[in-house]
Amino acid sequence: MRRTSQKDNHQGNKRFAIIISLLLAMLMPVSQATAAGDAEQGKAKAGTCAACHGADGNSVNPEWPSLAGQHPDYLVAALKSFKNGSRANVLMAGQAAGLDEQTMEDLAAYFASQKAAKRTADPALVDQGARIYRGGDIEKGISACMACHGPSGRGNPGAGYPILAGQHATYTANQLKAYRSGERQTDASMNQIMRNIAAEMSDGDINAVAAYIQGLQ
């Protein structure tokens, strides 16, 4: 009888982790709540946001995320996490501190109504990024990104999974590294799925998948 090696056990655990992550994603309760904001009111209130995220939600600085076209409920949830401190960012904490829920919903409705700019992927990284995004890496225990965020990066608004398509590669890579280090913990209600996945990703994996995501449309 073949003796099970430590390596076999390790690989088995990796495969089990991937399967559990995918099952959790599929079984995640779907919220019926939608943001109830007024886009016109949001436009009138978005002047401060525009300084970093662009007047139409398409940021110029790749360190700052583009918000245009994002699911409104996700944007509201993000603002609430900055306000309550569950997501740490000095600049955003200050901006969100004075926002009431209606203002958050209005801002979310406005930015969600805007058209996202199209970007391209780094051709040197796109093949590796595509493999990880679409198929994961079973040896490392990395789940396929598209299991939650969809083949084209459109996310799942009911489950709270954001649109990734066209997002700046620099911003996406920074967020994956923040999950990897434990600095970002906004996946607590999802059994730490993002932290568990990012923990197995090298800088090369992260940069490649972030580059691929930037080119999704």
C-alpha atoms as a PDB file:
ATOM      1  CA  MET A   1       0.000   0.000   0.000  1.00  0.00           C
ATOM      2  CA  ARG A   2       1.302   3.442  -0.944  1.00  0.00           C
ATOM      3  CA  ARG A   3       2.199   5.531   2.110  1.00  0.00           C
ATOM      4  CA  THR A   4       0.704   9.024   2.132  1.00  0.00           C
ATOM      5  CA  SER A   5       3.470  11.602   2.203  1.00  0.00           C
ATOM      6  CA  GLN A   6       3.472  14.983   3.882  1.00  0.00           C
ATOM      7  CA  LYS A   7       3.522  16.557   0.413  1.00  0.00           C
ATOM      8  CA  ASP A   8       0.419  14.572  -0.578  1.00  0.00           C
ATOM      9  CA  ASN A   9      -1.377  15.769   2.543  1.00  0.00           C
ATOM     10  CA  HIS A  10      -0.372  19.362   1.837  1.00  0.00           C
ATOM     11  CA  GLN A  11      -1.659  19.201  -1.730  1.00  0.00           C
ATOM     12  CA  GLY A  12      -4.834  17.523  -0.537  1.00  0.00           C
ATOM     13  CA  ASN A  13      -5.425  20.339   1.920  1.00  0.00           C
ATOM     14  CA  LYS A  14      -4.883  22.884  -0.841  1.00  0.00           C
ATOM     15  CA  ARG A  15      -7.461  21.176  -3.060  1.00  0.00           C
ATOM     16  CA  PHE A  16      -9.905  20.992  -0.154  1.00  0.00           C
ATOM     17  CA  ALA A  17      -9.435  24.712   0.518  1.00  0.00           C
ATOM     18  CA  ILE A  18     -10.244  25.548  -3.093  1.00  0.00           C
ATOM     19  CA  ILE A  19     -13.366  23.387  -3.084  1.00  0.00           C
ATOM     20  CA  ILE A  20     -14.615  24.912   0.158  1.00  0.00           C
ATOM     21  CA  SER A  21     -13.981  28.456  -1.096  1.00  0.00           C
ATOM     22  CA  LEU A  22     -15.933  27.804  -4.283  1.00  0.00           C
ATOM     23  CA  LEU A  23     -18.813  26.176  -2.410  1.00  0.00           C
ATOM     24  CA  LEU A  24     -18.995  29.112  -0.017  1.00  0.00           C
ATOM     25  CA  ALA A  25     -19.140  31.477  -2.964  1.00  0.00           C
ATOM     26  CA  MET A  26     -21.983  29.538  -4.572  1.00  0.00           C
ATOM     27  CA  LEU A  27     -23.925  29.133  -1.324  1.00  0.00           C
ATOM     28  CA  MET A  28     -23.553  32.731  -0.165  1.00  0.00           C
ATOM     29  CA  PRO A  29     -27.019  34.109   0.606  1.00  0.00           C
ATOM     30  CA  VAL A  30     -28.173  36.555  -2.021  1.00  0.00           C
ATOM     31  CA  SER A  31     -29.263  39.902  -0.648  1.00  0.00           C
ATOM     32  CA  GLN A  32     -32.347  41.443  -2.182  1.00  0.00           C
ATOM     33  CA  ALA A  33     -31.420  44.918  -0.912  1.00  0.00           C
ATOM     34  CA  THR A  34     -30.492  47.547  -3.457  1.00  0.00           C
ATOM     35  CA  ALA A  35     -29.142  51.022  -3.022  1.00  0.00           C
ATOM     36  CA  ALA A  36     -31.982  53.546  -3.037  1.00  0.00           C
ATOM     37  CA  GLY A  37     -30.014  56.598  -4.033  1.00  0.00           C
ATOM     38  CA  ASP A  38     -30.733  59.499  -6.360  1.00  0.00           C
ATOM     39  CA  ALA A  39     -28.070  59.838  -9.046  1.00  0.00           C
ATOM     40  CA  GLU A  40     -28.738  63.538  -9.629  1.00  0.00           C
ATOM     41  CA  GLN A  41     -28.387  64.269  -5.924  1.00  0.00           C
ATOM     42  CA  GLY A  42     -25.252  62.143  -5.902  1.00  0.00           C
ATOM     43  CA  LYS A  43     -23.734  64.145  -8.743  1.00  0.00           C
ATOM     44  CA  ALA A  44     -24.308  67.346  -6.787  1.00  0.00           C
ATOM     45  CA  LYS A  45     -22.597  65.826  -3.734  1.00  0.00           C
ATOM     46  CA  ALA A  46     -19.686  64.201  -5.561  1.00  0.00           C
ATOM     47  CA  GLY A  47     -17.357  67.194  -5.833  1.00  0.00           C
ATOM     48  CA  THR A  48     -15.010  66.042  -3.081  1.00  0.00           C
ATOM     49  CA  CYS A  49     -14.968  62.470  -4.407  1.00  0.00           C
ATOM     50  CA  ALA A  50     -14.026  63.718  -7.876  1.00  0.00           C
ATOM     51  CA  ALA A  51     -10.672  65.002  -6.644  1.00  0.00           C
ATOM     52  CA  CYS A  52      -9.411  61.409  -6.381  1.00  0.00           C
ATOM     53  CA  HIS A  53     -11.911  59.272  -8.280  1.00  0.00           C
ATOM     54  CA  GLY A  54     -12.617  61.564 -11.216  1.00  0.00           C
ATOM     55  CA  ALA A  55     -15.730  63.610 -11.944  1.00  0.00           C
ATOM     56  CA  ASP A  56     -17.255  60.649 -13.794  1.00  0.00           C
ATOM     57  CA  GLY A  57     -15.816  58.031 -11.442  1.00  0.00           C
ATOM     58  CA  ASN A  58     -12.854  57.159 -13.650  1.00  0.00           C
ATOM     59  CA  SER A  59      -9.749  57.927 -11.627  1.00  0.00           C
ATOM     60  CA  VAL A  60      -6.547  59.033 -13.316  1.00  0.00           C
ATOM     61  CA  ASN A  61      -4.183  57.967 -10.528  1.00  0.00           C
ATOM     62  CA  PRO A  62      -3.891  54.143 -10.578  1.00  0.00           C
ATOM     63  CA  GLU A  63      -3.472  54.127  -6.787  1.00  0.00           C
ATOM     64  CA  TRP A  64      -7.104  55.203  -6.443  1.00  0.00           C
ATOM     65  CA  PRO A  65      -9.951  53.002  -7.658  1.00  0.00           C
ATOM     66  CA  SER A  66     -12.312  53.886 -10.440  1.00  0.00           C
ATOM     67  CA  LEU A  67     -15.920  53.833  -9.212  1.00  0.00           C
ATOM     68  CA  ALA A  68     -17.762  54.278 -12.508  1.00  0.00           C
ATOM     69  CA  GLY A  69     -20.257  51.509 -13.192  1.00  0.00           C
ATOM     70  CA  GLN A  70     -19.652  49.722  -9.884  1.00  0.00           C
ATOM     71  CA  HIS A  71     -22.574  47.981  -8.167  1.00  0.00           C
ATOM     72  CA  PRO A  72     -24.240  50.646  -5.981  1.00  0.00           C
ATOM     73  CA  ASP A  73     -24.733  48.352  -3.003  1.00  0.00           C
ATOM     74  CA  TYR A  74     -21.032  47.536  -3.008  1.00  0.00           C
ATOM     75  CA  LEU A  75     -20.144  51.230  -3.020  1.00  0.00           C
ATOM     76  CA  VAL A  76     -22.482  51.866  -0.075  1.00  0.00           C
ATOM     77  CA  ALA A  77     -20.980  48.930   1.819  1.00  0.00           C
ATOM     78  CA  ALA A  78     -17.471  50.238   1.149  1.00  0.00           C
ATOM     79  CA  LEU A  79     -18.326  53.708   2.460  1.00  0.00           C
ATOM     80  CA  LYS A  80     -19.876  52.199   5.585  1.00  0.00           C
ATOM     81  CA  SER A  81     -16.773  50.086   6.205  1.00  0.00           C
ATOM     82  CA  PHE A  82     -14.565  53.182   5.996  1.00  0.00           C
ATOM     83  CA  LYS A  83     -16.893  55.065   8.323  1.00  0.00           C
ATOM     84  CA  ASN A  84     -17.066  52.335  10.982  1.00  0.00           C
ATOM     85  CA  GLY A  85     -13.356  51.559  10.777  1.00  0.00           C
ATOM     86  CA  SER A  86     -13.638  47.972   9.573  1.00  0.00           C
ATOM     87  CA  ARG A  87     -11.642  49.041   6.523  1.00  0.00           C
ATOM     88  CA  ALA A  88      -8.604  51.166   7.303  1.00  0.00           C
ATOM     89  CA  ASN A  89      -7.692  54.145   5.160  1.00  0.00           C
ATOM     90  CA  VAL A  90      -6.921  57.510   6.713  1.00  0.00           C
ATOM     91  CA  LEU A  91      -8.088  59.546   3.742  1.00  0.00           C
ATOM     92  CA  MET A  92     -11.331  57.625   3.189  1.00  0.00           C
ATOM     93  CA  ALA A  93     -12.115  57.427   6.897  1.00  0.00           C
ATOM     94  CA  GLY A  94     -12.078  61.195   7.035  1.00  0.00           C
ATOM     95  CA  GLN A  95     -14.242  61.522   3.938  1.00  0.00           C
ATOM     96  CA  ALA A  96     -16.804  58.942   5.083  1.00  0.00           C
ATOM     97  CA  ALA A  97     -17.042  60.137   8.679  1.00  0.00           C
ATOM     98  CA  GLY A  98     -19.591  62.856   7.964  1.00  0.00           C
ATOM     99  CA  LEU A  99     -21.719  60.954   5.444  1.00  0.00           C
ATOM    100  CA  ASP A 100     -25.228  59.854   6.358  1.00  0.00           C
ATOM    101  CA  GLU A 101     -26.746  56.789   4.726  1.00  0.00           C
ATOM    102  CA  GLN A 102     -28.819  58.731   2.186  1.00  0.00           C
ATOM    103  CA  THR A 103     -25.750  60.609   1.000  1.00  0.00           C
ATOM    104  CA  MET A 104     -23.877  57.335   0.629  1.00  0.00           C
ATOM    105  CA  GLU A 105     -26.719  55.920  -1.437  1.00  0.00           C
ATOM    106  CA  ASP A 106     -26.922  59.037  -3.600  1.00  0.00           C
ATOM    107  CA  LEU A 107     -23.176  58.970  -4.285  1.00  0.00           C
ATOM    108  CA  ALA A 108     -23.329  55.249  -5.051  1.00  0.00           C
ATOM    109  CA  ALA A 109     -26.238  55.732  -7.453  1.00  0.00           C
ATOM    110  CA  TYR A 110     -24.372  58.481  -9.288  1.00  0.00           C
ATOM    111  CA  PHE A 111     -21.099  56.628  -9.713  1.00  0.00           C
ATOM    112  CA  ALA A 112     -22.904  53.400 -10.611  1.00  0.00           C
ATOM    113  CA  SER A 113     -24.663  55.269 -13.435  1.00  0.00           C
ATOM    114  CA  GLN A 114     -21.390  56.383 -15.020  1.00  0.00           C
ATOM    115  CA  LYS A 115     -19.639  54.536 -17.845  1.00  0.00           C
ATOM    116  CA  ALA A 116     -16.401  52.815 -16.901  1.00  0.00           C
ATOM    117  CA  ALA A 117     -13.331  53.623 -18.982  1.00  0.00           C
ATOM    118  CA  LYS A 118     -11.811  50.790 -20.973  1.00  0.00           C
ATOM    119  CA  ARG A 119      -8.250  49.838 -20.151  1.00  0.00           C
ATOM    120  CA  THR A 120      -5.781  47.304 -21.491  1.00  0.00           C
ATOM    121  CA  ALA A 121      -3.773  44.542 -19.870  1.00  0.00           C
ATOM    122  CA  ASP A 122       0.012  44.340 -19.781  1.00  0.00           C
ATOM    123  CA  PRO A 123       0.736  41.878 -22.636  1.00  0.00           C
ATOM    124  CA  ALA A 124       3.715  40.454 -20.725  1.00  0.00           C
ATOM    125  CA  LEU A 125       1.460  39.369 -17.835  1.00  0.00           C
ATOM    126  CA  VAL A 126      -1.883  38.684 -19.443  1.00  0.00           C
ATOM    127  CA  ASP A 127      -1.408  34.945 -20.112  1.00  0.00           C
ATOM    128  CA  GLN A 128      -0.344  34.156 -16.551  1.00  0.00           C
ATOM    129  CA  GLY A 129      -3.072  36.414 -15.190  1.00  0.00           C
ATOM    130  CA  ALA A 130      -5.713  34.738 -17.342  1.00  0.00           C
ATOM    131  CA  ARG A 131      -4.711  31.288 -16.091  1.00  0.00           C
ATOM    132  CA  ILE A 132      -5.069  32.351 -12.465  1.00  0.00           C
ATOM    133  CA  TYR A 133      -8.249  34.358 -12.969  1.00  0.00           C
ATOM    134  CA  ARG A 134     -10.014  31.653 -14.938  1.00  0.00           C
ATOM    135  CA  GLY A 135      -8.570  28.475 -13.459  1.00  0.00           C
ATOM    136  CA  GLY A 136      -6.776  29.327 -10.218  1.00  0.00           C
ATOM    137  CA  ASP A 137      -3.750  27.294  -9.186  1.00  0.00           C
ATOM    138  CA  ILE A 138      -4.645  24.040  -7.486  1.00  0.00           C
ATOM    139  CA  GLU A 139      -1.071  23.350  -6.365  1.00  0.00           C
ATOM    140  CA  LYS A 140      -0.922  26.638  -4.476  1.00  0.00           C
ATOM    141  CA  GLY A 141      -4.513  26.560  -3.281  1.00  0.00           C
ATOM    142  CA  ILE A 142      -5.566  29.619  -5.296  1.00  0.00           C
ATOM    143  CA  SER A 143      -9.223  29.590  -6.320  1.00  0.00           C
ATOM    144  CA  ALA A 144     -10.289  30.888  -9.712  1.00  0.00           C
ATOM    145  CA  CYS A 145     -11.267  34.549  -9.419  1.00  0.00           C
ATOM    146  CA  MET A 146     -14.075  34.105 -11.906  1.00  0.00           C
ATOM    147  CA  ALA A 147     -15.882  31.751  -9.526  1.00  0.00           C
ATOM    148  CA  CYS A 148     -17.086  34.829  -7.641  1.00  0.00           C
ATOM    149  CA  HIS A 149     -16.400  37.733  -9.976  1.00  0.00           C
ATOM    150  CA  GLY A 150     -17.566  36.110 -13.207  1.00  0.00           C
ATOM    151  CA  PRO A 151     -15.783  35.291 -16.481  1.00  0.00           C
ATOM    152  CA  SER A 152     -15.814  38.932 -17.587  1.00  0.00           C
ATOM    153  CA  GLY A 153     -15.249  40.453 -14.141  1.00  0.00           C
ATOM    154  CA  ARG A 154     -18.801  41.764 -13.719  1.00  0.00           C
ATOM    155  CA  GLY A 155     -19.127  40.472 -10.161  1.00  0.00           C
ATOM    156  CA  ASN A 156     -22.308  39.418  -8.375  1.00  0.00           C
ATOM    157  CA  PRO A 157     -24.255  42.298  -6.810  1.00  0.00           C
ATOM    158  CA  GLY A 158     -26.597  40.055  -4.823  1.00  0.00           C
ATOM    159  CA  ALA A 159     -23.723  38.275  -3.115  1.00  0.00           C
ATOM    160  CA  GLY A 160     -21.722  41.465  -2.627  1.00  0.00           C
ATOM    161  CA  TYR A 161     -18.960  40.638  -5.116  1.00  0.00           C
ATOM    162  CA  PRO A 162     -17.780  43.803  -6.908  1.00  0.00           C
ATOM    163  CA  ILE A 163     -17.110  44.457 -10.554  1.00  0.00           C
ATOM    164  CA  LEU A 164     -13.387  44.077 -11.201  1.00  0.00           C
ATOM    165  CA  ALA A 165     -13.287  44.576 -14.965  1.00  0.00           C
ATOM    166  CA  GLY A 166     -11.159  47.535 -16.031  1.00  0.00           C
ATOM    167  CA  GLN A 167      -9.971  48.402 -12.531  1.00  0.00           C
ATOM    168  CA  HIS A 168      -6.462  49.836 -12.270  1.00  0.00           C
ATOM    169  CA  ALA A 169      -3.935  47.017 -11.910  1.00  0.00           C
ATOM    170  CA  THR A 170      -2.013  48.982  -9.282  1.00  0.00           C
ATOM    171  CA  TYR A 171      -5.106  49.385  -7.104  1.00  0.00           C
ATOM    172  CA  THR A 172      -6.160  45.736  -7.479  1.00  0.00           C
ATOM    173  CA  ALA A 173      -2.658  44.502  -6.639  1.00  0.00           C
ATOM    174  CA  ASN A 174      -2.544  46.736  -3.565  1.00  0.00           C
ATOM    175  CA  GLN A 175      -5.855  45.354  -2.310  1.00  0.00           C
ATOM    176  CA  LEU A 176      -4.777  41.739  -2.810  1.00  0.00           C
ATOM    177  CA  LYS A 177      -1.590  42.458  -0.873  1.00  0.00           C
ATOM    178  CA  ALA A 178      -3.650  44.100   1.875  1.00  0.00           C
ATOM    179  CA  TYR A 179      -5.788  40.958   2.118  1.00  0.00           C
ATOM    180  CA  ARG A 180      -2.646  38.827   2.129  1.00  0.00           C
ATOM    181  CA  SER A 181      -1.124  40.743   5.030  1.00  0.00           C
ATOM    182  CA  GLY A 182      -4.404  40.860   6.949  1.00  0.00           C
ATOM    183  CA  GLU A 183      -4.511  44.649   6.746  1.00  0.00           C
ATOM    184  CA  ARG A 184      -7.821  44.429   4.891  1.00  0.00           C
ATOM    185  CA  GLN A 185     -10.469  42.220   6.505  1.00  0.00           C
ATOM    186  CA  THR A 186     -13.691  43.157   4.756  1.00  0.00           C
ATOM    187  CA  ASP A 187     -14.275  39.505   3.848  1.00  0.00           C
ATOM    188  CA  ALA A 188     -15.148  38.529   7.427  1.00  0.00           C
ATOM    189  CA  SER A 189     -18.753  37.681   6.525  1.00  0.00           C
ATOM    190  CA  MET A 190     -17.473  35.460   3.690  1.00  0.00           C
ATOM    191  CA  ASN A 191     -15.310  33.209   5.854  1.00  0.00           C
ATOM    192  CA  GLN A 192     -12.200  35.235   4.982  1.00  0.00           C
ATOM    193  CA  ILE A 193     -12.305  33.965   1.428  1.00  0.00           C
ATOM    194  CA  MET A 194     -10.160  36.790   0.037  1.00  0.00           C
ATOM    195  CA  ARG A 195      -7.571  36.555   2.798  1.00  0.00           C
ATOM    196  CA  ASN A 196      -7.348  32.789   2.374  1.00  0.00           C
ATOM    197  CA  ILE A 197      -6.821  33.054  -1.370  1.00  0.00           C
ATOM    198  CA  ALA A 198      -4.419  36.000  -1.270  1.00  0.00           C
ATOM    199  CA  ALA A 199      -2.327  34.286   1.408  1.00  0.00           C
ATOM    200  CA  GLU A 200      -1.232  31.732  -1.195  1.00  0.00           C
ATOM    201  CA  MET A 201      -0.412  34.273  -3.904  1.00  0.00           C
ATOM    202  CA  SER A 202       3.097  35.503  -4.649  1.00  0.00           C
ATOM    203  CA  ASP A 203       3.756  39.062  -5.784  1.00  0.00           C
ATOM    204  CA  GLY A 204       4.076  37.658  -9.299  1.00  0.00           C
ATOM    205  CA  ASP A 205       0.670  35.967  -9.090  1.00  0.00           C
ATOM    206  CA  ILE A 206      -0.925  39.147  -7.780  1.00  0.00           C
ATOM    207  CA  ASN A 207       0.629  41.429 -10.387  1.00  0.00           C
ATOM    208  CA  ALA A 208      -0.336  39.070 -13.214  1.00  0.00           C
ATOM    209  CA  VAL A 209      -3.979  38.649 -12.207  1.00  0.00           C
ATOM    210  CA  ALA A 210      -4.298  42.392 -11.514  1.00  0.00           C
ATOM    211  CA  ALA A 211      -2.959  43.134 -14.997  1.00  0.00           C
ATOM    212  CA  TYR A 212      -5.436  40.707 -16.554  1.00  0.00           C
ATOM    213  CA  ILE A 213      -8.336  42.256 -14.622  1.00  0.00           C
ATOM    214  CA  GLN A 214      -7.387  45.720 -15.881  1.00  0.00           C
ATOM    215  CA  GLY A 215      -7.944  44.509 -19.434  1.00  0.00           C
ATOM    216  CA  LEU A 216     -11.319  42.866 -18.827  1.00  0.00           C
ATOM    217  CA  GLN A 217     -14.311  44.603 -20.385  1.00  0.00           C
END
